[in-house]
Each structure stands twice: as C-alpha cells, then as structure tokens.
C-alpha atoms as a PDB file:
ATOM      1  CA  UNK A   1       1.857  38.641  -8.499  1.00  0.00           C
ATOM      2  CA  UNK A   2       1.383  38.612 -12.246  1.00  0.00           C
ATOM      3  CA  UNK A   3      -1.633  37.202 -13.974  1.00  0.00           C
ATOM      4  CA  UNK A   4      -1.142  35.592 -17.382  1.00  0.00           C
ATOM      5  CA  UNK A   5      -3.620  34.028 -19.792  1.00  0.00           C
ATOM      6  CA  UNK A   6      -1.319  31.160 -20.855  1.00  0.00           C
ATOM      7  CA  UNK A   7      -0.222  28.178 -18.761  1.00  0.00           C
ATOM      8  CA  UNK A   8       3.184  28.634 -17.049  1.00  0.00           C
ATOM      9  CA  UNK A   9       4.676  25.307 -18.109  1.00  0.00           C
ATOM     10  CA  UNK A  10       8.195  26.119 -16.893  1.00  0.00           C
ATOM     11  CA  UNK A  11       7.111  26.493 -13.218  1.00  0.00           C
ATOM     12  CA  UNK A  12       6.384  24.033 -10.457  1.00  0.00           C
ATOM     13  CA  UNK A  13       2.863  23.686  -9.159  1.00  0.00           C
ATOM     14  CA  UNK A  14       3.765  25.759  -6.075  1.00  0.00           C
ATOM     15  CA  UNK A  15       5.094  28.579  -8.284  1.00  0.00           C
ATOM     16  CA  UNK A  16       1.866  29.186 -10.114  1.00  0.00           C
ATOM     17  CA  UNK A  17      -1.898  28.985  -9.594  1.00  0.00           C
ATOM     18  CA  UNK A  18      -4.704  28.446 -12.114  1.00  0.00           C
ATOM     19  CA  UNK A  19      -7.753  30.702 -11.984  1.00  0.00           C
ATOM     20  CA  UNK A  20     -10.597  28.539 -13.350  1.00  0.00           C
ATOM     21  CA  UNK A  21     -12.536  30.333 -16.072  1.00  0.00           C
ATOM     22  CA  UNK A  22     -15.738  28.406 -15.278  1.00  0.00           C
ATOM     23  CA  UNK A  23     -15.661  29.334 -11.616  1.00  0.00           C
ATOM     24  CA  UNK A  24     -15.201  33.045 -12.291  1.00  0.00           C
ATOM     25  CA  UNK A  25     -17.056  33.189 -15.652  1.00  0.00           C
ATOM     26  CA  UNK A  26     -14.067  34.370 -17.574  1.00  0.00           C
ATOM     27  CA  UNK A  27     -13.341  33.699 -21.249  1.00  0.00           C
ATOM     28  CA  UNK A  28     -10.125  31.824 -20.546  1.00  0.00           C
ATOM     29  CA  UNK A  29      -8.262  30.202 -17.703  1.00  0.00           C
ATOM     30  CA  UNK A  30      -5.750  32.526 -16.060  1.00  0.00           C
ATOM     31  CA  UNK A  31      -2.484  31.710 -14.307  1.00  0.00           C
ATOM     32  CA  UNK A  32      -0.972  33.637 -11.435  1.00  0.00           C
ATOM     33  CA  UNK A  33       2.765  33.649 -11.334  1.00  0.00           C
ATOM     34  CA  UNK A  34       3.806  33.347  -7.685  1.00  0.00           C
ATOM     35  CA  UNK A  35       7.549  33.740  -7.926  1.00  0.00           C
ATOM     36  CA  UNK A  36       7.780  37.505  -7.973  1.00  0.00           C
ATOM     37  CA  UNK A  37       5.891  40.512  -6.528  1.00  0.00           C
ATOM     38  CA  UNK A  38       5.274  43.346  -8.937  1.00  0.00           C
ATOM     39  CA  UNK A  39       4.839  46.968  -7.856  1.00  0.00           C
ATOM     40  CA  UNK A  40       2.261  48.616 -10.131  1.00  0.00           C
ATOM     41  CA  UNK A  41       1.240  52.278  -9.758  1.00  0.00           C
ATOM     42  CA  UNK A  42      -2.469  52.580  -9.010  1.00  0.00           C
ATOM     43  CA  UNK A  43      -2.926  54.838 -12.009  1.00  0.00           C
ATOM     44  CA  UNK A  44      -1.876  51.972 -14.264  1.00  0.00           C
ATOM     45  CA  UNK A  45      -4.565  49.614 -13.036  1.00  0.00           C
ATOM     46  CA  UNK A  46      -7.225  48.666 -15.533  1.00  0.00           C
ATOM     47  CA  UNK A  47     -10.425  46.740 -14.962  1.00  0.00           C
ATOM     48  CA  UNK A  48     -10.900  44.001 -12.273  1.00  0.00           C
ATOM     49  CA  UNK A  49     -10.667  40.575 -13.868  1.00  0.00           C
ATOM     50  CA  UNK A  50     -12.292  38.817 -10.834  1.00  0.00           C
ATOM     51  CA  UNK A  51     -12.260  38.716  -7.061  1.00  0.00           C
ATOM     52  CA  UNK A  52     -10.734  35.468  -5.850  1.00  0.00           C
ATOM     53  CA  UNK A  53     -12.680  33.361  -3.413  1.00  0.00           C
ATOM     54  CA  UNK A  54     -11.292  32.427  -0.005  1.00  0.00           C
ATOM     55  CA  UNK A  55     -10.729  28.819  -1.077  1.00  0.00           C
ATOM     56  CA  UNK A  56      -8.460  29.969  -3.908  1.00  0.00           C
ATOM     57  CA  UNK A  57      -6.677  32.497  -1.657  1.00  0.00           C
ATOM     58  CA  UNK A  58      -5.865  29.599   0.721  1.00  0.00           C
ATOM     59  CA  UNK A  59      -4.413  27.604  -2.150  1.00  0.00           C
ATOM     60  CA  UNK A  60      -2.249  30.577  -3.110  1.00  0.00           C
ATOM     61  CA  UNK A  61      -1.240  31.019   0.565  1.00  0.00           C
ATOM     62  CA  UNK A  62      -0.228  27.336   0.653  1.00  0.00           C
ATOM     63  CA  UNK A  63       1.997  27.795  -2.364  1.00  0.00           C
ATOM     64  CA  UNK A  64       3.597  30.884  -0.964  1.00  0.00           C
ATOM     65  CA  UNK A  65       4.303  28.952   2.286  1.00  0.00           C
ATOM     66  CA  UNK A  66       5.981  26.149   0.307  1.00  0.00           C
ATOM     67  CA  UNK A  67       8.269  28.688  -1.336  1.00  0.00           C
ATOM     68  CA  UNK A  68       9.114  30.183   2.058  1.00  0.00           C
ATOM     69  CA  UNK A  69      10.041  26.679   3.300  1.00  0.00           C
ATOM     70  CA  UNK A  70      12.358  26.391   0.310  1.00  0.00           C
ATOM     71  CA  UNK A  71      14.074  29.675   1.274  1.00  0.00           C
ATOM     72  CA  UNK A  72      12.568  31.582  -1.619  1.00  0.00           C
ATOM     73  CA  UNK A  73      12.404  35.317  -1.206  1.00  0.00           C
ATOM     74  CA  UNK A  74       8.624  35.544  -1.089  1.00  0.00           C
ATOM     75  CA  UNK A  75       7.402  37.643   1.820  1.00  0.00           C
ATOM     76  CA  UNK A  76       3.785  38.150   0.854  1.00  0.00           C
ATOM     77  CA  UNK A  77       1.364  36.658   3.434  1.00  0.00           C
ATOM     78  CA  UNK A  78      -2.457  36.745   3.444  1.00  0.00           C
ATOM     79  CA  UNK A  79      -2.568  35.475   7.071  1.00  0.00           C
ATOM     80  CA  UNK A  80      -4.779  32.537   6.131  1.00  0.00           C
ATOM     81  CA  UNK A  81      -4.603  29.112   7.822  1.00  0.00           C
ATOM     82  CA  UNK A  82      -3.897  26.337   5.338  1.00  0.00           C
ATOM     83  CA  UNK A  83      -4.306  22.590   5.934  1.00  0.00           C
ATOM     84  CA  UNK A  84      -2.741  19.654   4.014  1.00  0.00           C
ATOM     85  CA  UNK A  85      -4.835  18.220   1.190  1.00  0.00           C
ATOM     86  CA  UNK A  86      -4.703  15.262  -1.200  1.00  0.00           C
ATOM     87  CA  UNK A  87      -1.580  15.496  -3.390  1.00  0.00           C
ATOM     88  CA  UNK A  88       0.573  17.416  -0.879  1.00  0.00           C
ATOM     89  CA  UNK A  89       3.970  16.312   0.390  1.00  0.00           C
ATOM     90  CA  UNK A  90       4.207  17.143   4.068  1.00  0.00           C
ATOM     91  CA  UNK A  91       7.085  16.891   6.548  1.00  0.00           C
ATOM     92  CA  UNK A  92       6.158  15.398   9.942  1.00  0.00           C
ATOM     93  CA  UNK A  93       8.792  14.672  12.617  1.00  0.00           C
ATOM     94  CA  UNK A  94      11.524  15.078   9.938  1.00  0.00           C
ATOM     95  CA  UNK A  95       9.911  12.417   7.669  1.00  0.00           C
ATOM     96  CA  UNK A  96       8.155  13.125   4.421  1.00  0.00           C
ATOM     97  CA  UNK A  97       4.701  11.861   3.417  1.00  0.00           C
ATOM     98  CA  UNK A  98       2.434  11.908   0.421  1.00  0.00           C
ATOM     99  CA  UNK A  99      -1.208  12.519   1.296  1.00  0.00           C
ATOM    100  CA  UNK A 100      -3.615  10.210  -0.577  1.00  0.00           C
ATOM    101  CA  UNK A 101      -6.810  10.833   1.520  1.00  0.00           C
ATOM    102  CA  UNK A 102      -8.115  13.398   3.971  1.00  0.00           C
ATOM    103  CA  UNK A 103     -10.984  13.522   6.429  1.00  0.00           C
ATOM    104  CA  UNK A 104     -12.077  16.308   8.760  1.00  0.00           C
ATOM    105  CA  UNK A 105      -9.774  15.252  11.589  1.00  0.00           C
ATOM    106  CA  UNK A 106      -7.165  13.047   9.852  1.00  0.00           C
ATOM    107  CA  UNK A 107      -4.856  12.775   6.864  1.00  0.00           C
ATOM    108  CA  UNK A 108      -3.800   9.438   5.407  1.00  0.00           C
ATOM    109  CA  UNK A 109      -0.293   9.234   3.964  1.00  0.00           C
ATOM    110  CA  UNK A 110       2.419   7.107   2.408  1.00  0.00           C
ATOM    111  CA  UNK A 111       6.038   7.838   3.358  1.00  0.00           C
ATOM    112  CA  UNK A 112       8.121   9.138   0.475  1.00  0.00           C
ATOM    113  CA  UNK A 113      11.879   9.491  -0.107  1.00  0.00           C
ATOM    114  CA  UNK A 114      13.961  11.656  -2.417  1.00  0.00           C
ATOM    115  CA  UNK A 115      16.357   8.847  -2.948  1.00  0.00           C
ATOM    116  CA  UNK A 116      16.356   5.068  -2.398  1.00  0.00           C
ATOM    117  CA  UNK A 117      18.867   2.243  -2.391  1.00  0.00           C
ATOM    118  CA  UNK A 118      19.203   0.379  -5.721  1.00  0.00           C
ATOM    119  CA  UNK A 119      17.876  -2.840  -4.085  1.00  0.00           C
ATOM    120  CA  UNK A 120      14.616  -1.246  -2.972  1.00  0.00           C
ATOM    121  CA  UNK A 121      12.544  -2.861  -5.688  1.00  0.00           C
ATOM    122  CA  UNK A 122       9.222  -2.307  -3.954  1.00  0.00           C
ATOM    123  CA  UNK A 123       9.450   1.493  -4.343  1.00  0.00           C
ATOM    124  CA  UNK A 124       8.168   3.307  -7.385  1.00  0.00           C
ATOM    125  CA  UNK A 125       8.913   6.742  -8.746  1.00  0.00           C
ATOM    126  CA  UNK A 126       6.238   9.462  -8.546  1.00  0.00           C
ATOM    127  CA  UNK A 127       6.314  13.069  -9.676  1.00  0.00           C
ATOM    128  CA  UNK A 128       4.886  15.840  -7.445  1.00  0.00           C
ATOM    129  CA  UNK A 129       5.239  19.433  -8.565  1.00  0.00           C
ATOM    130  CA  UNK A 130       7.678  18.229 -11.248  1.00  0.00           C
ATOM    131  CA  UNK A 131       9.942  16.802  -8.553  1.00  0.00           C
ATOM    132  CA  UNK A 132      10.826  13.139  -8.193  1.00  0.00           C
ATOM    133  CA  UNK A 133       9.950  11.071  -5.071  1.00  0.00           C
ATOM    134  CA  UNK A 134       9.798   7.380  -4.269  1.00  0.00           C
ATOM    135  CA  UNK A 135       6.848   5.623  -2.660  1.00  0.00           C
ATOM    136  CA  UNK A 136       5.988   1.980  -1.771  1.00  0.00           C
ATOM    137  CA  UNK A 137       2.176   2.566  -1.830  1.00  0.00           C
ATOM    138  CA  UNK A 138       1.419  -0.249   0.667  1.00  0.00           C
ATOM    139  CA  UNK A 139       2.291   0.818   4.190  1.00  0.00           C
ATOM    140  CA  UNK A 140       0.236   3.943   5.082  1.00  0.00           C
ATOM    141  CA  UNK A 141      -0.029   6.069   8.169  1.00  0.00           C
ATOM    142  CA  UNK A 142      -2.725   8.226   9.707  1.00  0.00           C
ATOM    143  CA  UNK A 143      -2.119  11.612  11.346  1.00  0.00           C
ATOM    144  CA  UNK A 144      -4.303  14.291  12.901  1.00  0.00           C
ATOM    145  CA  UNK A 145      -5.019  17.032  10.364  1.00  0.00           C
ATOM    146  CA  UNK A 146      -2.979  20.014  11.484  1.00  0.00           C
ATOM    147  CA  UNK A 147      -2.030  23.386  10.022  1.00  0.00           C
ATOM    148  CA  UNK A 148       1.322  23.075  11.766  1.00  0.00           C
ATOM    149  CA  UNK A 149       2.698  20.502   9.339  1.00  0.00           C
ATOM    150  CA  UNK A 150       5.250  21.732   6.833  1.00  0.00           C
ATOM    151  CA  UNK A 151       3.817  21.470   3.300  1.00  0.00           C
ATOM    152  CA  UNK A 152       6.855  21.195   1.064  1.00  0.00           C
ATOM    153  CA  UNK A 153       5.262  20.388  -2.308  1.00  0.00           C
ATOM    154  CA  UNK A 154       1.849  19.980  -3.959  1.00  0.00           C
ATOM    155  CA  UNK A 155       0.622  17.993  -6.925  1.00  0.00           C
ATOM    156  CA  UNK A 156      -1.283  18.974  -9.999  1.00  0.00           C
ATOM    157  CA  UNK A 157      -4.519  17.153 -10.826  1.00  0.00           C
ATOM    158  CA  UNK A 158      -2.812  15.154 -13.580  1.00  0.00           C
ATOM    159  CA  UNK A 159       0.013  14.237 -11.185  1.00  0.00           C
ATOM    160  CA  UNK A 160      -2.529  13.034  -8.633  1.00  0.00           C
ATOM    161  CA  UNK A 161      -4.210  10.868 -11.280  1.00  0.00           C
ATOM    162  CA  UNK A 162      -0.821   9.364 -12.283  1.00  0.00           C
ATOM    163  CA  UNK A 163       0.101   8.686  -8.661  1.00  0.00           C
ATOM    164  CA  UNK A 164      -3.263   7.037  -7.982  1.00  0.00           C
ATOM    165  CA  UNK A 165      -2.614   4.663 -10.872  1.00  0.00           C
ATOM    166  CA  UNK A 166       0.915   3.941  -9.639  1.00  0.00           C
ATOM    167  CA  UNK A 167      -0.372   3.159  -6.134  1.00  0.00           C
ATOM    168  CA  UNK A 168      -3.122   0.984  -7.566  1.00  0.00           C
ATOM    169  CA  UNK A 169      -0.577  -1.021  -9.545  1.00  0.00           C
ATOM    170  CA  UNK A 170       1.710  -1.317  -6.539  1.00  0.00           C
ATOM    171  CA  UNK A 171      -1.182  -2.716  -4.484  1.00  0.00           C
ATOM    172  CA  UNK A 172      -2.118  -5.172  -7.242  1.00  0.00           C
ATOM    173  CA  UNK A 173       1.522  -6.370  -7.451  1.00  0.00           C
ATOM    174  CA  UNK A 174       1.653  -6.632  -3.637  1.00  0.00           C
ATOM    175  CA  UNK A 175      -1.486  -8.761  -3.558  1.00  0.00           C
ATOM    176  CA  UNK A 176      -0.037 -11.035  -6.224  1.00  0.00           C
ATOM    177  CA  UNK A 177       3.176 -11.401  -4.230  1.00  0.00           C
ATOM    178  CA  UNK A 178       1.275 -12.112  -1.025  1.00  0.00           C
ATOM    179  CA  UNK A 179      -0.886 -14.728  -2.793  1.00  0.00           C
ATOM    180  CA  UNK A 180       2.265 -16.292  -4.273  1.00  0.00           C
ATOM    181  CA  UNK A 181       4.023 -16.370  -0.917  1.00  0.00           C
ATOM    182  CA  UNK A 182       0.993 -17.882   0.776  1.00  0.00           C
ATOM    183  CA  UNK A 183       0.803 -20.567  -1.911  1.00  0.00           C
ATOM    184  CA  UNK A 184       4.500 -21.355  -1.506  1.00  0.00           C
ATOM    185  CA  UNK A 185       4.168 -21.563   2.297  1.00  0.00           C
ATOM    186  CA  UNK A 186       1.099 -23.748   1.969  1.00  0.00           C
ATOM    187  CA  UNK A 187       2.902 -26.103  -0.448  1.00  0.00           C
ATOM    188  CA  UNK A 188       5.839 -26.322   1.971  1.00  0.00           C
ATOM    189  CA  UNK A 189       3.568 -27.251   4.886  1.00  0.00           C
ATOM    190  CA  UNK A 190       1.224 -29.563   3.015  1.00  0.00           C
ATOM    191  CA  UNK A 191       3.689 -32.412   2.545  1.00  0.00           C
ATOM    192  CA  UNK A 192       3.156 -35.945   3.849  1.00  0.00           C
ATOM    193  CA  UNK A 193       5.369 -36.497   6.906  1.00  0.00           C
ATOM    194  CA  UNK A 194       5.223 -32.971   8.279  1.00  0.00           C
ATOM    195  CA  UNK A 195       4.205 -32.828  11.942  1.00  0.00           C
ATOM    196  CA  UNK A 196       2.494 -29.459  12.611  1.00  0.00           C
ATOM    197  CA  UNK A 197       1.634 -27.725  15.877  1.00  0.00           C
ATOM    198  CA  UNK A 198      -2.150 -27.101  16.040  1.00  0.00           C
ATOM    199  CA  UNK A 199      -2.896 -25.628  19.439  1.00  0.00           C
ATOM    200  CA  UNK A 200      -1.523 -28.189  21.929  1.00  0.00           C
ATOM    201  CA  UNK A 201      -1.868 -30.982  19.408  1.00  0.00           C
ATOM    202  CA  UNK A 202       0.873 -32.381  17.196  1.00  0.00           C
ATOM    203  CA  UNK A 203      -0.824 -33.190  13.867  1.00  0.00           C
ATOM    204  CA  UNK A 204       0.696 -35.315  11.125  1.00  0.00           C
ATOM    205  CA  UNK A 205      -0.354 -33.910   7.731  1.00  0.00           C
ATOM    206  CA  UNK A 206      -1.846 -36.565   5.476  1.00  0.00           C
ATOM    207  CA  UNK A 207      -3.668 -35.080   2.463  1.00  0.00           C
ATOM    208  CA  UNK A 208      -5.867 -32.298   1.113  1.00  0.00           C
ATOM    209  CA  UNK A 209      -9.510 -32.764   0.139  1.00  0.00           C
ATOM    210  CA  UNK A 210     -11.335 -29.939  -1.689  1.00  0.00           C
ATOM    211  CA  UNK A 211      -8.398 -27.708  -0.770  1.00  0.00           C
ATOM    212  CA  UNK A 212      -8.816 -28.468   2.957  1.00  0.00           C
ATOM    213  CA  UNK A 213      -5.776 -30.027   4.651  1.00  0.00           C
ATOM    214  CA  UNK A 214      -6.328 -33.052   6.873  1.00  0.00           C
ATOM    215  CA  UNK A 215      -4.100 -34.794   9.463  1.00  0.00           C
ATOM    216  CA  UNK A 216      -4.090 -37.022  12.514  1.00  0.00           C
ATOM    217  CA  UNK A 217      -2.976 -36.565  16.114  1.00  0.00           C
ATOM    218  CA  UNK A 218       0.345 -38.399  15.877  1.00  0.00           C
ATOM    219  CA  UNK A 219       0.538 -39.225  19.570  1.00  0.00           C
ATOM    220  CA  UNK A 220      -2.989 -40.669  19.913  1.00  0.00           C
ATOM    221  CA  UNK A 221      -3.936 -41.983  16.494  1.00  0.00           C
ATOM    222  CA  UNK A 222      -4.244 -45.601  17.783  1.00  0.00           C
ATOM    223  CA  UNK A 223      -6.958 -44.656  20.310  1.00  0.00           C
ATOM    224  CA  UNK A 224      -8.460 -41.455  18.847  1.00  0.00           C
ATOM    225  CA  UNK A 225      -8.789 -42.307  15.238  1.00  0.00           C
ATOM    226  CA  UNK A 226     -10.104 -38.849  14.234  1.00  0.00           C
ATOM    227  CA  UNK A 227      -8.971 -36.832  11.258  1.00  0.00           C
ATOM    228  CA  UNK A 228      -8.367 -33.135  11.806  1.00  0.00           C
ATOM    229  CA  UNK A 229      -9.247 -30.385   9.280  1.00  0.00           C
ATOM    230  CA  UNK A 230      -6.224 -28.160   9.834  1.00  0.00           C
ATOM    231  CA  UNK A 231      -7.424 -24.563  10.032  1.00  0.00           C
ATOM    232  CA  UNK A 232      -5.169 -21.618   9.043  1.00  0.00           C
ATOM    233  CA  UNK A 233      -2.426 -23.989   7.938  1.00  0.00           C
ATOM    234  CA  UNK A 234      -0.147 -21.117   6.804  1.00  0.00           C
ATOM    235  CA  UNK A 235       0.189 -20.037  10.420  1.00  0.00           C
ATOM    236  CA  UNK A 236       1.429 -23.452  11.537  1.00  0.00           C
ATOM    237  CA  UNK A 237       4.970 -24.508  12.284  1.00  0.00           C
ATOM    238  CA  UNK A 238       6.689 -27.736  11.266  1.00  0.00           C
ATOM    239  CA  UNK A 239       7.808 -29.450  14.450  1.00  0.00           C
ATOM    240  CA  UNK A 240       9.527 -32.392  12.778  1.00  0.00           C
ATOM    241  CA  UNK A 241       9.285 -34.725   9.775  1.00  0.00           C
ATOM    242  CA  UNK A 242       8.186 -38.371   9.885  1.00  0.00           C
ATOM    243  CA  UNK A 243       9.545 -40.990   7.477  1.00  0.00           C
ATOM    244  CA  UNK A 244       7.372 -42.544   4.776  1.00  0.00           C
ATOM    245  CA  UNK A 245       7.591 -45.916   6.539  1.00  0.00           C
ATOM    246  CA  UNK A 246       6.169 -44.381   9.763  1.00  0.00           C
ATOM    247  CA  UNK A 247       3.419 -42.668   7.739  1.00  0.00           C
ATOM    248  CA  UNK A 248       2.510 -45.977   6.141  1.00  0.00           C
ATOM    249  CA  UNK A 249       2.050 -47.599   9.528  1.00  0.00           C
ATOM    250  CA  UNK A 250      -0.167 -44.764  10.732  1.00  0.00           C
ATOM    251  CA  UNK A 251      -2.217 -44.650   7.574  1.00  0.00           C
ATOM    252  CA  UNK A 252      -2.568 -48.504   7.685  1.00  0.00           C
ATOM    253  CA  UNK A 253      -3.948 -48.257  11.171  1.00  0.00           C
ATOM    254  CA  UNK A 254      -6.527 -45.718  10.071  1.00  0.00           C
ATOM    255  CA  UNK A 255      -7.414 -47.827   7.009  1.00  0.00           C
ATOM    256  CA  UNK A 256      -7.904 -50.972   9.012  1.00  0.00           C
ATOM    257  CA  UNK A 257     -10.172 -49.145  11.420  1.00  0.00           C
ATOM    258  CA  UNK A 258     -12.343 -47.745   8.665  1.00  0.00           C
ATOM    259  CA  UNK A 259     -12.138 -44.068   9.668  1.00  0.00           C
ATOM    260  CA  UNK A 260     -14.235 -41.366   8.098  1.00  0.00           C
ATOM    261  CA  UNK A 261     -13.122 -40.283   4.570  1.00  0.00           C
ATOM    262  CA  UNK A 262     -11.996 -43.896   4.089  1.00  0.00           C
ATOM    263  CA  UNK A 263     -11.727 -43.303   0.345  1.00  0.00           C
ATOM    264  CA  UNK A 264      -9.020 -40.679   0.807  1.00  0.00           C
ATOM    265  CA  UNK A 265      -7.261 -42.784   3.401  1.00  0.00           C
ATOM    266  CA  UNK A 266      -7.399 -45.875   1.175  1.00  0.00           C
ATOM    267  CA  UNK A 267      -5.972 -43.861  -1.765  1.00  0.00           C
ATOM    268  CA  UNK A 268      -3.094 -42.641   0.413  1.00  0.00           C
ATOM    269  CA  UNK A 269      -2.515 -46.085   1.807  1.00  0.00           C
ATOM    270  CA  UNK A 270      -2.259 -47.618  -1.641  1.00  0.00           C
ATOM    271  CA  UNK A 271       0.167 -44.913  -2.766  1.00  0.00           C
ATOM    272  CA  UNK A 272       2.443 -45.510   0.243  1.00  0.00           C
ATOM    273  CA  UNK A 273       2.165 -49.308  -0.121  1.00  0.00           C
ATOM    274  CA  UNK A 274       3.146 -48.984  -3.785  1.00  0.00           C
ATOM    275  CA  UNK A 275       6.175 -46.886  -2.853  1.00  0.00           C
ATOM    276  CA  UNK A 276       7.251 -49.507  -0.280  1.00  0.00           C
ATOM    277  CA  UNK A 277       6.895 -52.334  -2.868  1.00  0.00           C
ATOM    278  CA  UNK A 278       9.064 -50.456  -5.325  1.00  0.00           C
ATOM    279  CA  UNK A 279      11.870 -50.322  -2.716  1.00  0.00           C
ATOM    280  CA  UNK A 280      11.685 -54.121  -2.434  1.00  0.00           C
END
C-alpha cells in the first residue's frame, strides 16, 4: 500500500485510510492508498514514518474486506477480526442497514436502499463512501454485534455528521406529521353526535373543557346522569352518529337535572336550542 501526504479525494472511504498526525506525532496527516499493493525492494526502504496501532490496522482490514466483497483484486489480509461501527453499511439476511449506534453486544440500524420508488416521499438521500443510499430514519432495528456481517461500505466523519442531521430532520418531520394526524383524528372524533366506544360503555360526545373531552352514557343518561371524561380519545371508535334533535333532548335532560359542569351543559343546551329555533 502506498502512503501519500495529500488527501486522496478521488477515492471512496474504503479505498483510502487517514493516518492522524496528532496520534502519531507526525508533521502532517498521511493517507494510505488501499487500491493497489506495491512491491518495493528492501534496499529502497527509507526511514519508518510510524508503526500503526492495532485499532488503525483493524480499520484498514475492514476497508480491505469491503473491497473483497466488491470483487476487487485485493488479496492482502492481516487476519484481524473487524466489527461493524457507526457509519458502516452492513448486509444482514440480504438486507442492507446503516449503523447509527453501537454497544458492546448490539448494533442499531436503519434499513437503506440503493433505489426507491418515486412515491416513497418519506425516504431521504444519504451519502456513504461517496455512494448514494436512501433511508427513512424512523424505523430502526437492533442486531447482535457480530464479525460475520458483511460490511459493504463505510462513512467518513463528515458523512456521518451529515447523515445525523438528515436523520434528525426526518424525525422532526415525522413528529410534526404524527402530531398533525393526531389532531385531525381528534377533531374527527370530537364532534357533537358521535357515539364512541369507551370500554363497554357507549358514550355520546358532548363538548371539550380545558382540552378534555366529555360525554354521557347514551343508554343510561336518564338514570345515571354522570359526565365522562373520555380518556385516550384518539384510540376510540365511532359506533354511530346521533341527530342534533336527539342530542338536544339528552342535553336538556342533563340541564334540567342540574348535573356537574352545569355551565358547560347550559352553554351547549342554549346553542342546540338556538339551532332548533332557526329551523322553525
């Protein structure tokens, strides 16, 4: 392998490796070109630039393994075990994943694709080792950390930073969409006349007070004049819809019996009564 003092900008991250000047107390960063093996007569050797540490040798081994997986003619092997790390693209059970976090026993990944359908709007483009992939950045998986996984690409530090920002923005957009969907579902459910299933009870939605939805047991409102605070309303189902006239009769019954939250009941009663009078 050849060592150069300048950055090898034309190569992918698995075709080169940076030797950090700070780590080895050199004057400049050096780059090892990993695409070709050079035969140099011993008599031509000069001074030793540095002796690479095992951690760096493993990183070089990983890059050589990637090239072997891509059918490159690189036969050099240092016989070192390498494990997936953050920024790697791995192949597990014929599916490809981007690793965003690692622990001693597990890796945490997002599935990636080389191509996506044009209607897959929730996928974003990322660059790993100068190659293009697509990721959704929301649904992640956890696997045991194993040296047996195929590592097929690896990111530079700047690529990892860019991918982290992309994933962060995907998650923010996803949260906004979820919040919007929850609000739309809530607005659909919180309509006067909707009969919702709450456990075994059929509850007629009446109104919201301080963002809490309230209703009445539609089958027993004449005897059990109790208002229900409907918990987890987004998880409820609409069983049927009740007419405004029927709602007026129910609310009138509650109003005449002076139930709790009478101010809210009176307000609703007056609104329904006004709507009835307009019909007349």
